[in-house]
Amino acid sequence: MAPALLICATLVLCAALPVSASAKEPRSTSVKREFQLTHPCPSTGLTSGACPGYVKDHIMPLVCGGPDAVSNMQWQTIREARAKDKWEAKGCAR
């Protein structure tokens, strides 16, 4: 799905889902570790360690009710992550 379409689809779902987590709640380190084991870093190809230029991101934000699960994660460039964080704060905040 194209990023713009994913954002629109996610915003619609955000409005319909109950809020189950705040942006301040800790993320599961084991979920992040498992994600990288099965989805190597795009910039290094490694299954552990730093991934320069990328962050691990929840596709459906936790603040919108998304699960803290490998199936809900993706690699995202830092630039994309900053843009997504802005609309998440507006569209999914309590």
N, C-alpha and C. Protein backbone atom coordinates (compact mmCIF):
# COMPACT_ATOMS: atom_id res chain seq x y z
N MET A 1 0.85 -1.18 0.00
CA MET A 1 0.00 0.00 0.00
C MET A 1 0.89 1.23 0.00
N ALA A 2 0.55 2.22 -0.78
CA ALA A 2 1.32 3.45 -0.85
C ALA A 2 1.28 4.16 0.49
N PRO A 3 2.37 4.87 0.87
CA PRO A 3 2.41 5.54 2.17
C PRO A 3 1.21 6.46 2.41
N ALA A 4 0.81 7.22 1.41
CA ALA A 4 -0.31 8.15 1.60
C ALA A 4 -1.60 7.38 1.87
N LEU A 5 -1.78 6.26 1.18
CA LEU A 5 -2.97 5.45 1.40
C LEU A 5 -2.94 4.79 2.77
N LEU A 6 -1.76 4.35 3.19
CA LEU A 6 -1.63 3.74 4.50
C LEU A 6 -1.97 4.75 5.58
N ILE A 7 -1.49 5.98 5.43
CA ILE A 7 -1.79 7.02 6.41
C ILE A 7 -3.29 7.27 6.47
N CYS A 8 -3.94 7.41 5.34
CA CYS A 8 -5.38 7.65 5.32
C CYS A 8 -6.13 6.49 5.95
N ALA A 9 -5.76 5.27 5.60
CA ALA A 9 -6.43 4.10 6.17
C ALA A 9 -6.21 4.04 7.66
N THR A 10 -5.02 4.36 8.11
CA THR A 10 -4.71 4.33 9.53
C THR A 10 -5.49 5.40 10.28
N LEU A 11 -5.61 6.58 9.71
CA LEU A 11 -6.36 7.64 10.38
C LEU A 11 -7.81 7.25 10.58
N VAL A 12 -8.41 6.62 9.60
CA VAL A 12 -9.80 6.17 9.73
C VAL A 12 -9.90 5.16 10.85
N LEU A 13 -8.96 4.21 10.90
CA LEU A 13 -8.97 3.21 11.95
C LEU A 13 -8.70 3.82 13.31
N CYS A 14 -7.85 4.83 13.36
CA CYS A 14 -7.56 5.48 14.63
C CYS A 14 -8.81 6.04 15.27
N ALA A 15 -9.66 6.60 14.48
CA ALA A 15 -10.88 7.19 15.00
C ALA A 15 -11.83 6.13 15.53
N ALA A 16 -11.74 4.92 14.98
CA ALA A 16 -12.69 3.87 15.33
C ALA A 16 -12.20 2.97 16.47
N LEU A 17 -10.91 2.98 16.76
CA LEU A 17 -10.37 2.08 17.76
C LEU A 17 -10.21 2.77 19.11
N PRO A 18 -10.40 2.02 20.19
CA PRO A 18 -10.15 2.59 21.51
C PRO A 18 -8.65 2.77 21.73
N VAL A 19 -8.32 3.73 22.55
CA VAL A 19 -6.92 3.99 22.85
C VAL A 19 -6.49 2.99 23.91
N SER A 20 -5.43 2.20 23.60
CA SER A 20 -4.99 1.19 24.55
C SER A 20 -3.61 1.47 25.13
N ALA A 21 -2.89 2.42 24.56
CA ALA A 21 -1.55 2.71 25.05
C ALA A 21 -1.23 4.16 24.79
N SER A 22 -0.41 4.72 25.64
CA SER A 22 0.03 6.08 25.40
C SER A 22 1.40 6.06 24.75
N ALA A 23 1.78 7.17 24.17
CA ALA A 23 3.08 7.27 23.52
C ALA A 23 4.21 7.15 24.54
N LYS A 24 3.92 7.36 25.80
CA LYS A 24 4.95 7.31 26.85
C LYS A 24 5.20 5.89 27.35
N GLU A 25 4.29 4.94 27.08
CA GLU A 25 4.46 3.59 27.58
C GLU A 25 5.62 2.90 26.89
N PRO A 26 6.38 2.09 27.63
CA PRO A 26 7.53 1.41 27.03
C PRO A 26 7.10 0.36 26.01
N ARG A 27 7.91 0.20 24.98
CA ARG A 27 7.66 -0.81 23.97
C ARG A 27 8.40 -2.07 24.37
N SER A 28 7.90 -3.21 23.97
CA SER A 28 8.52 -4.48 24.29
C SER A 28 9.85 -4.63 23.55
N THR A 29 10.93 -4.78 24.29
CA THR A 29 12.23 -4.97 23.65
C THR A 29 12.29 -6.33 22.96
N SER A 30 11.59 -7.31 23.47
CA SER A 30 11.61 -8.62 22.83
C SER A 30 10.89 -8.58 21.48
N VAL A 31 9.83 -7.79 21.36
CA VAL A 31 9.13 -7.65 20.08
C VAL A 31 10.05 -6.94 19.08
N LYS A 32 10.72 -5.88 19.50
CA LYS A 32 11.64 -5.17 18.61
C LYS A 32 12.77 -6.09 18.15
N ARG A 33 13.30 -6.89 19.07
CA ARG A 33 14.38 -7.82 18.75
C ARG A 33 13.91 -8.88 17.74
N GLU A 34 12.73 -9.45 17.99
CA GLU A 34 12.17 -10.46 17.08
C GLU A 34 11.90 -9.87 15.70
N PHE A 35 11.41 -8.62 15.66
CA PHE A 35 11.16 -7.96 14.39
C PHE A 35 12.45 -7.88 13.57
N GLN A 36 13.54 -7.43 14.19
CA GLN A 36 14.78 -7.27 13.44
C GLN A 36 15.37 -8.63 13.04
N LEU A 37 15.15 -9.66 13.82
CA LEU A 37 15.62 -11.00 13.44
C LEU A 37 14.95 -11.48 12.15
N THR A 38 13.69 -11.14 12.00
CA THR A 38 12.93 -11.60 10.83
C THR A 38 12.88 -10.56 9.71
N HIS A 39 13.29 -9.33 10.00
CA HIS A 39 13.30 -8.24 9.02
C HIS A 39 14.63 -7.50 9.15
N PRO A 40 15.68 -7.97 8.50
CA PRO A 40 16.99 -7.33 8.64
C PRO A 40 16.96 -5.83 8.30
N CYS A 41 17.88 -5.10 8.90
CA CYS A 41 18.00 -3.66 8.67
C CYS A 41 18.18 -3.36 7.19
N PRO A 42 17.39 -2.43 6.63
CA PRO A 42 17.52 -2.09 5.21
C PRO A 42 18.87 -1.49 4.83
N SER A 43 19.52 -0.79 5.75
CA SER A 43 20.78 -0.14 5.38
C SER A 43 22.02 -1.01 5.60
N THR A 44 21.93 -2.00 6.50
CA THR A 44 23.11 -2.84 6.78
C THR A 44 22.89 -4.31 6.45
N GLY A 45 21.64 -4.72 6.41
CA GLY A 45 21.33 -6.13 6.18
C GLY A 45 21.51 -7.00 7.41
N LEU A 46 21.81 -6.37 8.55
CA LEU A 46 22.06 -7.11 9.79
C LEU A 46 20.77 -7.38 10.55
N THR A 47 20.77 -8.48 11.30
CA THR A 47 19.60 -8.86 12.10
C THR A 47 19.73 -8.45 13.56
N SER A 48 20.76 -7.65 13.86
CA SER A 48 20.91 -7.10 15.21
C SER A 48 21.73 -5.82 15.11
N GLY A 49 21.67 -5.04 16.18
CA GLY A 49 22.46 -3.81 16.23
C GLY A 49 21.75 -2.62 15.59
N ALA A 50 22.51 -1.56 15.47
CA ALA A 50 21.97 -0.30 14.94
C ALA A 50 21.61 -0.42 13.47
N CYS A 51 20.67 0.44 13.06
CA CYS A 51 20.23 0.49 11.66
C CYS A 51 20.25 1.95 11.23
N PRO A 52 21.41 2.44 10.79
CA PRO A 52 21.56 3.85 10.45
C PRO A 52 20.53 4.34 9.44
N GLY A 53 19.86 5.44 9.81
CA GLY A 53 18.88 6.06 8.92
C GLY A 53 17.47 5.52 9.04
N TYR A 54 17.28 4.48 9.85
CA TYR A 54 15.97 3.84 9.99
C TYR A 54 15.58 3.67 11.45
N VAL A 55 14.29 3.58 11.68
CA VAL A 55 13.74 3.26 13.00
C VAL A 55 12.70 2.15 12.84
N LYS A 56 12.48 1.43 13.91
CA LYS A 56 11.42 0.42 13.94
C LYS A 56 10.13 1.15 14.29
N ASP A 57 9.10 0.94 13.49
CA ASP A 57 7.86 1.71 13.65
C ASP A 57 6.66 0.78 13.72
N HIS A 58 5.70 1.15 14.54
CA HIS A 58 4.43 0.44 14.58
C HIS A 58 3.56 0.97 13.44
N ILE A 59 3.09 0.09 12.58
CA ILE A 59 2.25 0.48 11.44
C ILE A 59 0.97 1.13 11.97
N MET A 60 0.24 0.42 12.80
CA MET A 60 -0.93 0.98 13.49
C MET A 60 -0.40 1.44 14.84
N PRO A 61 -0.32 2.74 15.05
CA PRO A 61 0.28 3.27 16.28
C PRO A 61 -0.35 2.69 17.54
N LEU A 62 0.47 2.49 18.56
CA LEU A 62 -0.03 1.98 19.83
C LEU A 62 -1.07 2.93 20.42
N VAL A 63 -0.89 4.24 20.22
CA VAL A 63 -1.85 5.20 20.75
C VAL A 63 -3.20 5.11 20.05
N CYS A 64 -3.24 4.42 18.90
CA CYS A 64 -4.49 4.22 18.18
C CYS A 64 -5.07 2.83 18.45
N GLY A 65 -4.45 2.10 19.34
CA GLY A 65 -4.94 0.76 19.66
C GLY A 65 -4.22 -0.35 18.93
N GLY A 66 -3.16 -0.02 18.21
CA GLY A 66 -2.39 -1.05 17.51
C GLY A 66 -1.64 -1.94 18.48
N PRO A 67 -1.43 -3.19 18.10
CA PRO A 67 -0.73 -4.11 18.99
C PRO A 67 0.78 -3.91 18.96
N ASP A 68 1.42 -4.20 20.07
CA ASP A 68 2.88 -4.18 20.14
C ASP A 68 3.33 -5.58 19.72
N ALA A 69 3.29 -5.83 18.40
CA ALA A 69 3.58 -7.15 17.84
C ALA A 69 4.41 -7.01 16.58
N VAL A 70 5.19 -8.04 16.27
CA VAL A 70 6.02 -8.05 15.07
C VAL A 70 5.18 -7.80 13.83
N SER A 71 3.99 -8.36 13.78
CA SER A 71 3.11 -8.20 12.61
C SER A 71 2.66 -6.75 12.41
N ASN A 72 2.85 -5.91 13.41
CA ASN A 72 2.44 -4.51 13.33
C ASN A 72 3.65 -3.58 13.25
N MET A 73 4.78 -4.10 12.79
CA MET A 73 6.00 -3.29 12.74
C MET A 73 6.55 -3.21 11.33
N GLN A 74 7.31 -2.13 11.08
CA GLN A 74 7.95 -1.91 9.79
C GLN A 74 9.20 -1.08 10.02
N TRP A 75 10.12 -1.14 9.05
CA TRP A 75 11.25 -0.21 9.05
C TRP A 75 10.75 1.08 8.41
N GLN A 76 11.18 2.19 8.95
CA GLN A 76 10.78 3.49 8.42
C GLN A 76 11.98 4.41 8.47
N THR A 77 12.15 5.23 7.42
CA THR A 77 13.25 6.18 7.47
C THR A 77 12.97 7.19 8.58
N ILE A 78 14.02 7.81 9.06
CA ILE A 78 13.85 8.79 10.13
C ILE A 78 12.94 9.93 9.66
N ARG A 79 13.11 10.35 8.42
CA ARG A 79 12.27 11.43 7.88
C ARG A 79 10.80 11.02 7.85
N GLU A 80 10.51 9.81 7.38
CA GLU A 80 9.13 9.32 7.35
C GLU A 80 8.55 9.21 8.76
N ALA A 81 9.39 8.77 9.70
CA ALA A 81 8.95 8.61 11.08
C ALA A 81 8.56 9.95 11.71
N ARG A 82 9.34 10.98 11.44
CA ARG A 82 9.02 12.31 11.99
C ARG A 82 7.69 12.82 11.43
N ALA A 83 7.47 12.62 10.14
CA ALA A 83 6.21 13.06 9.52
C ALA A 83 5.04 12.27 10.10
N LYS A 84 5.20 10.97 10.26
CA LYS A 84 4.12 10.14 10.81
C LYS A 84 3.84 10.51 12.26
N ASP A 85 4.88 10.79 13.03
CA ASP A 85 4.70 11.18 14.43
C ASP A 85 3.83 12.43 14.55
N LYS A 86 3.97 13.35 13.61
CA LYS A 86 3.17 14.58 13.65
C LYS A 86 1.69 14.29 13.50
N TRP A 87 1.31 13.48 12.49
CA TRP A 87 -0.12 13.23 12.32
C TRP A 87 -0.65 12.28 13.38
N GLU A 88 0.20 11.39 13.92
CA GLU A 88 -0.25 10.52 15.00
C GLU A 88 -0.63 11.34 16.22
N ALA A 89 0.18 12.33 16.53
CA ALA A 89 -0.08 13.17 17.69
C ALA A 89 -1.40 13.91 17.55
N LYS A 90 -1.73 14.31 16.34
CA LYS A 90 -2.99 15.04 16.10
C LYS A 90 -4.18 14.11 15.94
N GLY A 91 -4.02 13.05 15.19
CA GLY A 91 -5.14 12.19 14.84
C GLY A 91 -5.45 11.08 15.82
N CYS A 92 -4.50 10.74 16.69
CA CYS A 92 -4.69 9.59 17.56
C CYS A 92 -4.58 9.94 19.03
N ALA A 93 -4.32 11.17 19.36
CA ALA A 93 -4.19 11.55 20.76
C ALA A 93 -5.52 11.40 21.48
N ARG A 94 -5.44 11.21 22.76
CA ARG A 94 -6.66 11.06 23.56
C ARG A 94 -7.51 12.31 23.51
